[in-house]
Amino acid sequence: MLFTDEASFYRQPSQAWLWAWMGRRQPKLTYSHRSNTRMRVVGLLEAATGQVQSWDFPRVTAQALGKCWRQGTQRYPQARKIYLVMDNWPVHFHPKALEPLARDPRVEILTLPTYAPWLNPIEKLWRLVKQRVSHAHPWSDDFRRFRYHVMAEFRRHLSGSKEVLRYVGLEPPIS
């Protein structure tokens, strides 16, 4: 079972929840004088192992989605059935997005209800990466470096991660 979604990561650091008790040092946020550039990430989260696959784009198109999904499903040649779980974003159902999947009879698409992001565990993965990398980050003047650090966080989980499975709620916490 593969959960898929897209997320945006912005050049300017987020700053919410930086308050602290008196005496505690706060990170110094630097903001770029450049526009608030964004990167779009398409991700796949494998439910059994926590493997994360990700692709970085300036803009997500239906054709790009189809290519990502095709590459993602090709990593499982031994699977007899692959369930691809996604939300109801209209681009997910564009013919250019679905065409690469149509060639693989093993793939079955499962759609989540509209406006129910809590049902898709990859949404929690986005939150984890934003907390670790894009929240109060120091790379606002170097977008390439920022992108590198965001994608490096995803690559950390390329071969699977119990930590990710616990965080997103697919594995019970350690007691």
N, C-alpha and C. Protein backbone atom coordinates (compact mmCIF):
# COMPACT_ATOMS: atom_id res chain seq x y z
N MET A 1 0.85 -1.17 0.00
CA MET A 1 0.00 0.00 0.00
C MET A 1 0.89 1.23 0.00
N LEU A 2 0.65 2.12 -0.96
CA LEU A 2 1.41 3.35 -1.09
C LEU A 2 0.47 4.54 -0.90
N PHE A 3 0.85 5.44 0.01
CA PHE A 3 0.11 6.68 0.21
C PHE A 3 0.82 7.76 -0.58
N THR A 4 0.08 8.57 -1.31
CA THR A 4 0.70 9.61 -2.12
C THR A 4 0.03 10.96 -1.88
N ASP A 5 0.83 12.01 -2.05
CA ASP A 5 0.34 13.37 -1.93
C ASP A 5 1.42 14.32 -2.40
N GLU A 6 1.11 15.60 -2.41
CA GLU A 6 2.05 16.65 -2.77
C GLU A 6 2.09 17.66 -1.64
N ALA A 7 3.24 18.34 -1.49
CA ALA A 7 3.37 19.37 -0.46
C ALA A 7 4.27 20.48 -0.98
N SER A 8 4.09 21.67 -0.42
CA SER A 8 4.91 22.83 -0.77
C SER A 8 5.85 23.16 0.38
N PHE A 9 7.07 23.52 0.03
CA PHE A 9 8.06 23.97 1.00
C PHE A 9 8.57 25.32 0.53
N TYR A 10 8.60 26.31 1.42
CA TYR A 10 8.87 27.69 1.03
C TYR A 10 10.25 28.16 1.49
N ARG A 11 10.83 29.05 0.66
CA ARG A 11 12.15 29.64 0.93
C ARG A 11 12.20 30.32 2.30
N GLN A 12 11.21 31.13 2.60
CA GLN A 12 11.24 31.87 3.87
C GLN A 12 10.92 30.91 5.01
N PRO A 13 11.68 30.99 6.10
CA PRO A 13 11.43 30.07 7.22
C PRO A 13 10.11 30.37 7.93
N SER A 14 9.46 29.32 8.40
CA SER A 14 8.26 29.53 9.22
C SER A 14 8.72 29.87 10.63
N GLN A 15 7.90 30.60 11.35
CA GLN A 15 8.34 31.04 12.67
C GLN A 15 7.34 30.78 13.78
N ALA A 16 6.26 30.16 13.49
CA ALA A 16 5.26 29.90 14.54
C ALA A 16 5.87 29.06 15.66
N TRP A 17 5.42 29.26 16.83
CA TRP A 17 5.83 28.51 18.01
C TRP A 17 7.31 28.66 18.34
N LEU A 18 7.83 29.89 18.17
CA LEU A 18 9.21 30.14 18.57
C LEU A 18 9.29 30.79 19.94
N TRP A 19 8.18 31.00 20.59
CA TRP A 19 8.22 31.59 21.91
C TRP A 19 8.87 30.63 22.90
N ALA A 20 9.37 31.16 23.98
CA ALA A 20 10.00 30.31 24.99
C ALA A 20 9.99 31.04 26.32
N TRP A 21 10.28 30.30 27.37
CA TRP A 21 10.37 30.91 28.68
C TRP A 21 11.57 31.85 28.73
N MET A 22 11.53 32.80 29.63
CA MET A 22 12.59 33.78 29.75
C MET A 22 13.94 33.09 30.00
N GLY A 23 14.96 33.54 29.33
CA GLY A 23 16.28 32.99 29.53
C GLY A 23 16.67 31.94 28.50
N ARG A 24 15.72 31.45 27.72
CA ARG A 24 16.03 30.44 26.71
C ARG A 24 16.36 31.13 25.39
N ARG A 25 17.43 30.72 24.74
CA ARG A 25 17.86 31.34 23.48
C ARG A 25 16.96 30.90 22.33
N GLN A 26 16.60 31.85 21.52
CA GLN A 26 15.79 31.58 20.35
C GLN A 26 16.67 31.60 19.11
N PRO A 27 16.33 30.81 18.10
CA PRO A 27 17.09 30.88 16.86
C PRO A 27 16.87 32.24 16.19
N LYS A 28 17.90 32.77 15.59
CA LYS A 28 17.77 34.03 14.86
C LYS A 28 17.33 33.70 13.44
N LEU A 29 16.15 34.16 13.08
CA LEU A 29 15.62 33.90 11.75
C LEU A 29 16.10 34.96 10.78
N THR A 30 16.61 34.51 9.66
CA THR A 30 16.98 35.43 8.60
C THR A 30 16.00 35.24 7.46
N TYR A 31 15.53 36.35 6.93
CA TYR A 31 14.60 36.30 5.81
C TYR A 31 15.31 36.83 4.57
N SER A 32 15.06 36.22 3.47
CA SER A 32 15.65 36.65 2.22
C SER A 32 14.91 37.86 1.67
N HIS A 33 15.64 38.71 0.97
CA HIS A 33 14.99 39.84 0.30
C HIS A 33 14.36 39.39 -1.01
N ARG A 34 14.62 38.15 -1.39
CA ARG A 34 14.04 37.60 -2.62
C ARG A 34 12.59 37.16 -2.38
N SER A 35 11.91 36.86 -3.47
CA SER A 35 10.52 36.42 -3.32
C SER A 35 10.47 35.08 -2.61
N ASN A 36 9.34 34.77 -2.04
CA ASN A 36 9.18 33.54 -1.26
C ASN A 36 9.00 32.35 -2.19
N THR A 37 10.07 31.94 -2.83
CA THR A 37 10.07 30.82 -3.76
C THR A 37 9.61 29.55 -3.06
N ARG A 38 8.97 28.68 -3.82
CA ARG A 38 8.53 27.42 -3.22
C ARG A 38 8.99 26.25 -4.08
N MET A 39 9.13 25.13 -3.42
CA MET A 39 9.38 23.87 -4.13
C MET A 39 8.19 22.98 -3.85
N ARG A 40 7.83 22.18 -4.83
CA ARG A 40 6.72 21.23 -4.66
C ARG A 40 7.32 19.83 -4.63
N VAL A 41 6.87 19.04 -3.69
CA VAL A 41 7.36 17.68 -3.54
C VAL A 41 6.20 16.71 -3.72
N VAL A 42 6.42 15.71 -4.56
CA VAL A 42 5.49 14.60 -4.70
C VAL A 42 6.10 13.45 -3.91
N GLY A 43 5.30 12.82 -3.08
CA GLY A 43 5.83 11.75 -2.26
C GLY A 43 4.98 10.50 -2.29
N LEU A 44 5.66 9.38 -2.01
CA LEU A 44 5.00 8.09 -1.82
C LEU A 44 5.51 7.51 -0.51
N LEU A 45 4.61 7.07 0.33
CA LEU A 45 4.95 6.45 1.61
C LEU A 45 4.43 5.02 1.60
N GLU A 46 5.34 4.06 1.75
CA GLU A 46 4.96 2.65 1.74
C GLU A 46 4.53 2.25 3.15
N ALA A 47 3.35 1.70 3.27
CA ALA A 47 2.72 1.47 4.58
C ALA A 47 3.39 0.40 5.42
N ALA A 48 4.00 -0.60 4.83
CA ALA A 48 4.57 -1.71 5.61
C ALA A 48 5.96 -1.41 6.15
N THR A 49 6.80 -0.71 5.37
CA THR A 49 8.19 -0.51 5.77
C THR A 49 8.54 0.93 6.11
N GLY A 50 7.71 1.88 5.69
CA GLY A 50 8.03 3.28 5.91
C GLY A 50 8.98 3.84 4.86
N GLN A 51 9.14 3.13 3.75
CA GLN A 51 9.97 3.66 2.67
C GLN A 51 9.34 4.91 2.10
N VAL A 52 10.17 5.92 1.88
CA VAL A 52 9.69 7.19 1.34
C VAL A 52 10.37 7.44 0.01
N GLN A 53 9.57 7.70 -1.00
CA GLN A 53 10.10 8.12 -2.30
C GLN A 53 9.61 9.55 -2.52
N SER A 54 10.47 10.40 -3.05
CA SER A 54 10.09 11.80 -3.24
C SER A 54 10.72 12.37 -4.50
N TRP A 55 10.02 13.32 -5.08
CA TRP A 55 10.47 14.01 -6.27
C TRP A 55 10.20 15.49 -6.08
N ASP A 56 11.12 16.31 -6.52
CA ASP A 56 11.07 17.76 -6.34
C ASP A 56 10.75 18.44 -7.67
N PHE A 57 9.77 19.34 -7.66
CA PHE A 57 9.37 20.07 -8.86
C PHE A 57 9.11 21.53 -8.51
N PRO A 58 9.28 22.44 -9.47
CA PRO A 58 8.83 23.81 -9.23
C PRO A 58 7.30 23.89 -9.24
N ARG A 59 6.70 22.99 -10.05
CA ARG A 59 5.24 22.94 -10.20
C ARG A 59 4.83 21.50 -10.48
N VAL A 60 3.77 21.04 -9.85
CA VAL A 60 3.31 19.66 -10.07
C VAL A 60 2.26 19.65 -11.18
N THR A 61 2.54 18.87 -12.20
CA THR A 61 1.59 18.72 -13.30
C THR A 61 1.06 17.29 -13.30
N ALA A 62 0.01 17.06 -14.07
CA ALA A 62 -0.55 15.71 -14.17
C ALA A 62 0.48 14.75 -14.76
N GLN A 63 1.21 15.20 -15.75
CA GLN A 63 2.22 14.35 -16.38
C GLN A 63 3.33 14.00 -15.39
N ALA A 64 3.76 14.96 -14.58
CA ALA A 64 4.79 14.71 -13.57
C ALA A 64 4.28 13.70 -12.53
N LEU A 65 3.03 13.86 -12.12
CA LEU A 65 2.45 12.91 -11.15
C LEU A 65 2.47 11.49 -11.70
N GLY A 66 2.04 11.34 -12.94
CA GLY A 66 2.01 10.02 -13.56
C GLY A 66 3.38 9.38 -13.60
N LYS A 67 4.40 10.17 -13.95
CA LYS A 67 5.78 9.64 -13.99
C LYS A 67 6.24 9.22 -12.59
N CYS A 68 5.94 10.03 -11.59
CA CYS A 68 6.34 9.69 -10.22
C CYS A 68 5.67 8.41 -9.76
N TRP A 69 4.37 8.30 -9.98
CA TRP A 69 3.64 7.10 -9.57
C TRP A 69 4.17 5.87 -10.29
N ARG A 70 4.47 6.02 -11.57
CA ARG A 70 5.00 4.88 -12.34
C ARG A 70 6.35 4.44 -11.78
N GLN A 71 7.25 5.41 -11.53
CA GLN A 71 8.55 5.07 -10.95
C GLN A 71 8.38 4.43 -9.57
N GLY A 72 7.44 4.96 -8.80
CA GLY A 72 7.22 4.43 -7.46
C GLY A 72 6.71 3.00 -7.47
N THR A 73 5.80 2.69 -8.35
CA THR A 73 5.26 1.33 -8.39
C THR A 73 6.26 0.34 -8.99
N GLN A 74 7.16 0.81 -9.83
CA GLN A 74 8.17 -0.07 -10.42
C GLN A 74 9.18 -0.57 -9.38
N ARG A 75 9.24 0.05 -8.23
CA ARG A 75 10.14 -0.41 -7.17
C ARG A 75 9.65 -1.68 -6.50
N TYR A 76 8.45 -2.12 -6.85
CA TYR A 76 7.86 -3.31 -6.24
C TYR A 76 7.50 -4.34 -7.31
N PRO A 77 8.48 -4.89 -8.01
CA PRO A 77 8.17 -5.84 -9.08
C PRO A 77 7.57 -7.15 -8.58
N GLN A 78 7.83 -7.50 -7.32
CA GLN A 78 7.33 -8.76 -6.77
C GLN A 78 5.89 -8.65 -6.27
N ALA A 79 5.37 -7.43 -6.14
CA ALA A 79 4.01 -7.25 -5.61
C ALA A 79 2.96 -7.73 -6.60
N ARG A 80 1.98 -8.47 -6.09
CA ARG A 80 0.89 -8.91 -6.95
C ARG A 80 -0.18 -7.82 -7.08
N LYS A 81 -0.32 -7.00 -6.03
CA LYS A 81 -1.32 -5.92 -6.01
C LYS A 81 -0.68 -4.71 -5.33
N ILE A 82 -0.88 -3.54 -5.89
CA ILE A 82 -0.39 -2.29 -5.30
C ILE A 82 -1.58 -1.36 -5.15
N TYR A 83 -1.86 -0.98 -3.92
CA TYR A 83 -2.92 -0.02 -3.66
C TYR A 83 -2.29 1.36 -3.55
N LEU A 84 -2.75 2.30 -4.36
CA LEU A 84 -2.26 3.67 -4.35
C LEU A 84 -3.36 4.52 -3.73
N VAL A 85 -3.09 5.04 -2.54
CA VAL A 85 -4.09 5.79 -1.77
C VAL A 85 -3.82 7.28 -1.95
N MET A 86 -4.85 8.03 -2.35
CA MET A 86 -4.69 9.46 -2.62
C MET A 86 -5.96 10.22 -2.28
N ASP A 87 -5.80 11.54 -2.18
CA ASP A 87 -6.97 12.38 -1.93
C ASP A 87 -7.67 12.68 -3.25
N ASN A 88 -8.67 13.54 -3.20
CA ASN A 88 -9.50 13.81 -4.38
C ASN A 88 -9.10 15.06 -5.15
N TRP A 89 -7.83 15.42 -5.15
CA TRP A 89 -7.38 16.56 -5.94
C TRP A 89 -7.67 16.24 -7.41
N PRO A 90 -8.35 17.09 -8.15
CA PRO A 90 -8.74 16.76 -9.53
C PRO A 90 -7.57 16.37 -10.44
N VAL A 91 -6.39 16.91 -10.21
CA VAL A 91 -5.24 16.57 -11.05
C VAL A 91 -4.88 15.09 -10.94
N HIS A 92 -5.19 14.47 -9.79
CA HIS A 92 -4.92 13.03 -9.63
C HIS A 92 -5.68 12.19 -10.65
N PHE A 93 -6.77 12.70 -11.16
CA PHE A 93 -7.62 11.92 -12.06
C PHE A 93 -7.55 12.41 -13.51
N HIS A 94 -6.58 13.25 -13.77
CA HIS A 94 -6.36 13.72 -15.14
C HIS A 94 -5.84 12.55 -15.97
N PRO A 95 -6.25 12.42 -17.22
CA PRO A 95 -5.79 11.30 -18.05
C PRO A 95 -4.26 11.18 -18.14
N LYS A 96 -3.56 12.32 -18.16
CA LYS A 96 -2.09 12.26 -18.23
C LYS A 96 -1.48 11.71 -16.95
N ALA A 97 -2.16 11.86 -15.83
CA ALA A 97 -1.67 11.31 -14.56
C ALA A 97 -1.96 9.81 -14.48
N LEU A 98 -3.13 9.41 -14.96
CA LEU A 98 -3.55 8.02 -14.84
C LEU A 98 -2.99 7.11 -15.92
N GLU A 99 -2.62 7.69 -17.06
CA GLU A 99 -2.17 6.88 -18.19
C GLU A 99 -0.97 5.97 -17.86
N PRO A 100 0.07 6.46 -17.18
CA PRO A 100 1.18 5.55 -16.85
C PRO A 100 0.76 4.40 -15.92
N LEU A 101 -0.24 4.62 -15.08
CA LEU A 101 -0.71 3.57 -14.18
C LEU A 101 -1.57 2.54 -14.90
N ALA A 102 -2.22 2.96 -15.97
CA ALA A 102 -3.11 2.07 -16.71
C ALA A 102 -2.35 0.90 -17.32
N ARG A 103 -1.04 1.09 -17.55
CA ARG A 103 -0.22 0.02 -18.13
C ARG A 103 0.13 -1.07 -17.12
N ASP A 104 -0.12 -0.81 -15.86
CA ASP A 104 0.23 -1.76 -14.81
C ASP A 104 -1.06 -2.31 -14.17
N PRO A 105 -1.46 -3.53 -14.48
CA PRO A 105 -2.72 -4.06 -13.97
C PRO A 105 -2.70 -4.31 -12.45
N ARG A 106 -1.53 -4.29 -11.84
CA ARG A 106 -1.44 -4.52 -10.39
C ARG A 106 -1.93 -3.33 -9.57
N VAL A 107 -1.94 -2.14 -10.16
CA VAL A 107 -2.25 -0.91 -9.42
C VAL A 107 -3.74 -0.69 -9.31
N GLU A 108 -4.19 -0.50 -8.09
CA GLU A 108 -5.59 -0.14 -7.83
C GLU A 108 -5.58 1.16 -7.02
N ILE A 109 -6.34 2.13 -7.48
CA ILE A 109 -6.39 3.44 -6.82
C ILE A 109 -7.50 3.44 -5.78
N LEU A 110 -7.15 3.87 -4.58
CA LEU A 110 -8.12 4.05 -3.50
C LEU A 110 -8.17 5.54 -3.18
N THR A 111 -9.35 6.13 -3.27
CA THR A 111 -9.46 7.56 -3.00
C THR A 111 -10.00 7.79 -1.60
N LEU A 112 -9.48 8.82 -0.98
CA LEU A 112 -9.92 9.21 0.36
C LEU A 112 -11.06 10.22 0.22
N PRO A 113 -11.88 10.37 1.25
CA PRO A 113 -12.96 11.36 1.19
C PRO A 113 -12.40 12.78 1.04
N THR A 114 -13.21 13.65 0.48
CA THR A 114 -12.83 15.04 0.33
C THR A 114 -12.63 15.69 1.70
N TYR A 115 -11.62 16.55 1.80
CA TYR A 115 -11.31 17.30 3.02
C TYR A 115 -11.10 16.39 4.23
N ALA A 116 -10.32 15.34 4.07
CA ALA A 116 -10.02 14.43 5.17
C ALA A 116 -8.51 14.11 5.20
N PRO A 117 -7.65 15.13 5.37
CA PRO A 117 -6.21 14.88 5.32
C PRO A 117 -5.71 13.99 6.46
N TRP A 118 -6.44 13.91 7.55
CA TRP A 118 -6.01 13.07 8.67
C TRP A 118 -6.05 11.58 8.33
N LEU A 119 -6.70 11.22 7.23
CA LEU A 119 -6.77 9.83 6.82
C LEU A 119 -5.56 9.40 5.97
N ASN A 120 -4.76 10.37 5.53
CA ASN A 120 -3.60 10.07 4.70
C ASN A 120 -2.32 10.25 5.52
N PRO A 121 -1.65 9.16 5.90
CA PRO A 121 -0.47 9.26 6.75
C PRO A 121 0.66 10.11 6.17
N ILE A 122 0.73 10.25 4.85
CA ILE A 122 1.82 11.04 4.28
C ILE A 122 1.69 12.52 4.67
N GLU A 123 0.47 12.95 5.01
CA GLU A 123 0.29 14.33 5.49
C GLU A 123 1.11 14.56 6.77
N LYS A 124 1.21 13.54 7.61
CA LYS A 124 2.01 13.66 8.83
C LYS A 124 3.49 13.66 8.50
N LEU A 125 3.88 12.97 7.44
CA LEU A 125 5.27 13.01 7.00
C LEU A 125 5.64 14.42 6.58
N TRP A 126 4.74 15.10 5.85
CA TRP A 126 5.01 16.49 5.48
C TRP A 126 5.25 17.33 6.73
N ARG A 127 4.42 17.14 7.74
CA ARG A 127 4.57 17.90 8.98
C ARG A 127 5.92 17.62 9.63
N LEU A 128 6.33 16.36 9.65
CA LEU A 128 7.61 15.99 10.25
C LEU A 128 8.77 16.69 9.53
N VAL A 129 8.77 16.66 8.21
CA VAL A 129 9.87 17.29 7.45
C VAL A 129 9.84 18.80 7.63
N LYS A 130 8.66 19.38 7.67
CA LYS A 130 8.58 20.83 7.89
C LYS A 130 9.10 21.20 9.27
N GLN A 131 8.80 20.39 10.28
CA GLN A 131 9.31 20.66 11.63
C GLN A 131 10.83 20.56 11.67
N ARG A 132 11.37 19.56 11.00
CA ARG A 132 12.81 19.31 11.07
C ARG A 132 13.63 20.23 10.17
N VAL A 133 13.09 20.60 9.02
CA VAL A 133 13.92 21.31 8.04
C VAL A 133 13.44 22.73 7.76
N SER A 134 12.18 22.92 7.42
CA SER A 134 11.78 24.24 6.94
C SER A 134 11.33 25.19 8.04
N HIS A 135 11.13 24.71 9.23
CA HIS A 135 10.75 25.59 10.34
C HIS A 135 12.01 26.26 10.88
N ALA A 136 12.04 27.56 10.86
CA ALA A 136 13.15 28.36 11.39
C ALA A 136 14.49 27.96 10.76
N HIS A 137 14.50 27.67 9.47
CA HIS A 137 15.74 27.25 8.81
C HIS A 137 16.63 28.46 8.46
N PRO A 138 17.94 28.24 8.33
CA PRO A 138 18.87 29.34 8.07
C PRO A 138 19.22 29.55 6.59
N TRP A 139 18.54 28.89 5.64
CA TRP A 139 18.96 28.90 4.24
C TRP A 139 18.07 29.76 3.34
N SER A 140 17.46 30.80 3.87
CA SER A 140 16.53 31.58 3.05
C SER A 140 17.22 32.28 1.88
N ASP A 141 18.50 32.58 2.00
CA ASP A 141 19.22 33.23 0.90
C ASP A 141 19.81 32.25 -0.10
N ASP A 142 19.76 30.97 0.21
CA ASP A 142 20.33 29.96 -0.68
C ASP A 142 19.29 28.88 -0.93
N PHE A 143 18.44 29.09 -1.94
CA PHE A 143 17.33 28.18 -2.20
C PHE A 143 17.81 26.79 -2.59
N ARG A 144 18.92 26.70 -3.32
CA ARG A 144 19.47 25.38 -3.68
C ARG A 144 19.84 24.59 -2.44
N ARG A 145 20.45 25.24 -1.50
CA ARG A 145 20.83 24.56 -0.26
C ARG A 145 19.59 24.14 0.54
N PHE A 146 18.60 25.02 0.58
CA PHE A 146 17.34 24.69 1.25
C PHE A 146 16.72 23.45 0.62
N ARG A 147 16.62 23.44 -0.71
CA ARG A 147 16.08 22.28 -1.42
C ARG A 147 16.88 21.02 -1.11
N TYR A 148 18.18 21.14 -1.08
CA TYR A 148 19.04 20.00 -0.77
C TYR A 148 18.69 19.42 0.60
N HIS A 149 18.53 20.28 1.60
CA HIS A 149 18.24 19.81 2.96
C HIS A 149 16.85 19.18 3.07
N VAL A 150 15.88 19.75 2.35
CA VAL A 150 14.53 19.16 2.36
C VAL A 150 14.58 17.76 1.75
N MET A 151 15.20 17.65 0.58
CA MET A 151 15.25 16.35 -0.10
C MET A 151 16.13 15.35 0.66
N ALA A 152 17.16 15.84 1.35
CA ALA A 152 18.01 14.95 2.16
C ALA A 152 17.21 14.33 3.29
N GLU A 153 16.28 15.08 3.85
CA GLU A 153 15.43 14.53 4.92
C GLU A 153 14.56 13.40 4.37
N PHE A 154 14.05 13.54 3.17
CA PHE A 154 13.27 12.46 2.55
C PHE A 154 14.17 11.27 2.22
N ARG A 155 15.38 11.54 1.71
CA ARG A 155 16.30 10.44 1.37
C ARG A 155 16.70 9.62 2.59
N ARG A 156 16.69 10.22 3.76
CA ARG A 156 17.02 9.47 4.98
C ARG A 156 16.10 8.26 5.17
N HIS A 157 14.90 8.35 4.63
CA HIS A 157 13.90 7.30 4.82
C HIS A 157 13.66 6.49 3.55
N LEU A 158 14.58 6.56 2.60
CA LEU A 158 14.43 5.87 1.32
C LEU A 158 14.36 4.35 1.47
N SER A 159 15.10 3.80 2.42
CA SER A 159 15.11 2.33 2.57
C SER A 159 14.17 1.85 3.67
N GLY A 160 13.34 2.72 4.19
CA GLY A 160 12.39 2.33 5.23
C GLY A 160 12.74 2.95 6.56
N SER A 161 11.73 3.16 7.39
CA SER A 161 11.96 3.82 8.67
C SER A 161 10.86 3.49 9.67
N LYS A 162 11.25 2.83 10.74
CA LYS A 162 10.29 2.57 11.84
C LYS A 162 9.87 3.89 12.47
N GLU A 163 10.80 4.84 12.53
CA GLU A 163 10.50 6.15 13.11
C GLU A 163 9.36 6.83 12.34
N VAL A 164 9.41 6.79 11.03
CA VAL A 164 8.35 7.40 10.21
C VAL A 164 7.04 6.66 10.43
N LEU A 165 7.08 5.33 10.45
CA LEU A 165 5.85 4.56 10.66
C LEU A 165 5.21 4.91 11.99
N ARG A 166 6.00 5.06 13.04
CA ARG A 166 5.45 5.44 14.35
C ARG A 166 4.88 6.85 14.30
N TYR A 167 5.63 7.77 13.68
CA TYR A 167 5.20 9.17 13.64
C TYR A 167 3.88 9.34 12.89
N VAL A 168 3.73 8.64 11.79
CA VAL A 168 2.51 8.81 10.98
C VAL A 168 1.35 7.95 11.45
N GLY A 169 1.59 7.07 12.43
CA GLY A 169 0.52 6.26 13.01
C GLY A 169 0.29 4.91 12.36
N LEU A 170 1.25 4.43 11.58
CA LEU A 170 1.10 3.13 10.95
C LEU A 170 1.71 2.00 11.77
N GLU A 171 2.41 2.33 12.84
CA GLU A 171 2.98 1.33 13.73
C GLU A 171 2.73 1.82 15.16
N PRO A 172 2.37 0.91 16.05
CA PRO A 172 2.11 1.36 17.43
C PRO A 172 3.39 1.88 18.08
N PRO A 173 3.24 2.87 18.97
CA PRO A 173 4.42 3.42 19.65
C PRO A 173 5.08 2.38 20.54
N ILE A 174 6.36 2.57 20.80
CA ILE A 174 7.11 1.69 21.68
C ILE A 174 6.65 1.94 23.11
N SER A 175 6.33 0.86 23.85
CA SER A 175 5.88 1.07 25.24
C SER A 175 7.00 0.90 26.21
